[in-house]
Amino acid sequence: MKGDYFGYDGPCPPWNDSIVHHYIFTLYALDVDRLEVEDELAAESVQAALKGHLLAEAKLMGTYSLNSRIR
């Protein structure tokens, strides 16, 4: 696959994995309608753009496995 992809594909652990995977989602409340991110869209540049605009945040942890024996 070539090029940049800025989407989210969802959880995708190996089908025969023997552990439950943990996924952490963070929702940010900002004081701006649109966050201007400099440089490439990466965690570091988004975190830098968040500085000074963060009003609140909430975290949600989900678990997932394709292996029905350990769900």
C-alpha atoms as a PDB file:
ATOM      1  CA  MET A   1       0.000   0.000   0.000  1.00  0.00           C
ATOM      2  CA  LYS A   2       1.473   3.337  -1.032  1.00  0.00           C
ATOM      3  CA  GLY A   3       0.878   6.846   0.218  1.00  0.00           C
ATOM      4  CA  ASP A   4      -0.413   8.301   3.448  1.00  0.00           C
ATOM      5  CA  TYR A   5      -3.511   7.004   5.175  1.00  0.00           C
ATOM      6  CA  PHE A   6      -5.129   9.037   7.926  1.00  0.00           C
ATOM      7  CA  GLY A   7      -8.086   6.829   8.783  1.00  0.00           C
ATOM      8  CA  TYR A   8      -8.859   4.318  11.468  1.00  0.00           C
ATOM      9  CA  ASP A   9      -9.212   0.626  10.649  1.00  0.00           C
ATOM     10  CA  GLY A  10     -10.327  -0.616  14.052  1.00  0.00           C
ATOM     11  CA  PRO A  11      -8.890  -3.447  16.117  1.00  0.00           C
ATOM     12  CA  CYS A  12      -7.214  -6.218  14.207  1.00  0.00           C
ATOM     13  CA  PRO A  13      -5.380  -8.721  16.409  1.00  0.00           C
ATOM     14  CA  PRO A  14      -4.163 -11.990  14.887  1.00  0.00           C
ATOM     15  CA  TRP A  15      -6.998 -14.510  14.536  1.00  0.00           C
ATOM     16  CA  ASN A  16      -5.178 -17.146  16.599  1.00  0.00           C
ATOM     17  CA  ASP A  17      -3.867 -14.842  19.321  1.00  0.00           C
ATOM     18  CA  SER A  18      -4.124 -16.154  22.882  1.00  0.00           C
ATOM     19  CA  ILE A  19      -4.572 -12.825  24.687  1.00  0.00           C
ATOM     20  CA  VAL A  20      -7.225 -10.134  24.925  1.00  0.00           C
ATOM     21  CA  HIS A  21      -6.028  -6.852  23.424  1.00  0.00           C
ATOM     22  CA  HIS A  22      -6.695  -3.516  25.102  1.00  0.00           C
ATOM     23  CA  TYR A  23      -7.511  -0.385  23.108  1.00  0.00           C
ATOM     24  CA  ILE A  24      -7.569   3.074  24.673  1.00  0.00           C
ATOM     25  CA  PHE A  25      -9.622   5.837  23.046  1.00  0.00           C
ATOM     26  CA  THR A  26      -9.233   9.456  24.152  1.00  0.00           C
ATOM     27  CA  LEU A  27     -11.786  12.195  23.479  1.00  0.00           C
ATOM     28  CA  TYR A  28     -10.595  15.796  23.776  1.00  0.00           C
ATOM     29  CA  ALA A  29     -12.761  18.884  24.369  1.00  0.00           C
ATOM     30  CA  LEU A  30     -11.053  21.901  22.798  1.00  0.00           C
ATOM     31  CA  ASP A  31     -11.565  25.657  22.813  1.00  0.00           C
ATOM     32  CA  VAL A  32     -11.261  25.837  19.000  1.00  0.00           C
ATOM     33  CA  ASP A  33     -13.519  24.549  16.215  1.00  0.00           C
ATOM     34  CA  ARG A  34     -10.610  23.182  14.211  1.00  0.00           C
ATOM     35  CA  LEU A  35      -7.163  22.168  15.436  1.00  0.00           C
ATOM     36  CA  GLU A  36      -4.357  23.337  13.175  1.00  0.00           C
ATOM     37  CA  VAL A  37      -1.659  20.656  13.062  1.00  0.00           C
ATOM     38  CA  GLU A  38       1.757  21.600  11.718  1.00  0.00           C
ATOM     39  CA  ASP A  39       3.906  19.103   9.815  1.00  0.00           C
ATOM     40  CA  GLU A  40       2.927  15.481   9.244  1.00  0.00           C
ATOM     41  CA  LEU A  41      -0.166  14.194  11.017  1.00  0.00           C
ATOM     42  CA  ALA A  42       1.481  12.173  13.783  1.00  0.00           C
ATOM     43  CA  ALA A  43       0.990  11.813  17.529  1.00  0.00           C
ATOM     44  CA  GLU A  44       3.763  14.286  18.347  1.00  0.00           C
ATOM     45  CA  SER A  45       2.450  17.057  16.073  1.00  0.00           C
ATOM     46  CA  VAL A  46      -1.149  16.590  17.285  1.00  0.00           C
ATOM     47  CA  GLN A  47      -0.022  16.728  20.930  1.00  0.00           C
ATOM     48  CA  ALA A  48       1.917  19.921  20.217  1.00  0.00           C
ATOM     49  CA  ALA A  49      -1.143  21.494  18.562  1.00  0.00           C
ATOM     50  CA  LEU A  50      -3.324  20.539  21.555  1.00  0.00           C
ATOM     51  CA  LYS A  51      -1.232  22.638  23.938  1.00  0.00           C
ATOM     52  CA  GLY A  52      -3.205  25.620  25.172  1.00  0.00           C
ATOM     53  CA  HIS A  53      -6.491  24.386  23.649  1.00  0.00           C
ATOM     54  CA  LEU A  54      -7.432  21.460  25.893  1.00  0.00           C
ATOM     55  CA  LEU A  55     -10.512  22.014  28.087  1.00  0.00           C
ATOM     56  CA  ALA A  56     -11.144  18.419  29.171  1.00  0.00           C
ATOM     57  CA  GLU A  57     -10.504  14.829  28.155  1.00  0.00           C
ATOM     58  CA  ALA A  58     -12.105  11.439  28.665  1.00  0.00           C
ATOM     59  CA  LYS A  59     -10.629   7.969  28.153  1.00  0.00           C
ATOM     60  CA  LEU A  60     -12.349   4.717  27.345  1.00  0.00           C
ATOM     61  CA  MET A  61     -10.621   1.345  27.334  1.00  0.00           C
ATOM     62  CA  GLY A  62     -12.070  -1.482  25.309  1.00  0.00           C
ATOM     63  CA  THR A  63     -10.952  -5.074  24.959  1.00  0.00           C
ATOM     64  CA  TYR A  64     -11.095  -7.236  21.869  1.00  0.00           C
ATOM     65  CA  SER A  65     -10.079 -10.643  20.596  1.00  0.00           C
ATOM     66  CA  LEU A  66     -10.956 -12.727  17.575  1.00  0.00           C
ATOM     67  CA  ASN A  67     -10.301 -15.864  19.602  1.00  0.00           C
ATOM     68  CA  SER A  68     -13.702 -16.963  20.977  1.00  0.00           C
ATOM     69  CA  ARG A  69     -12.080 -19.162  23.666  1.00  0.00           C
ATOM     70  CA  ILE A  70     -10.735 -16.157  25.599  1.00  0.00           C
ATOM     71  CA  ARG A  71     -13.451 -13.515  25.149  1.00  0.00           C
END
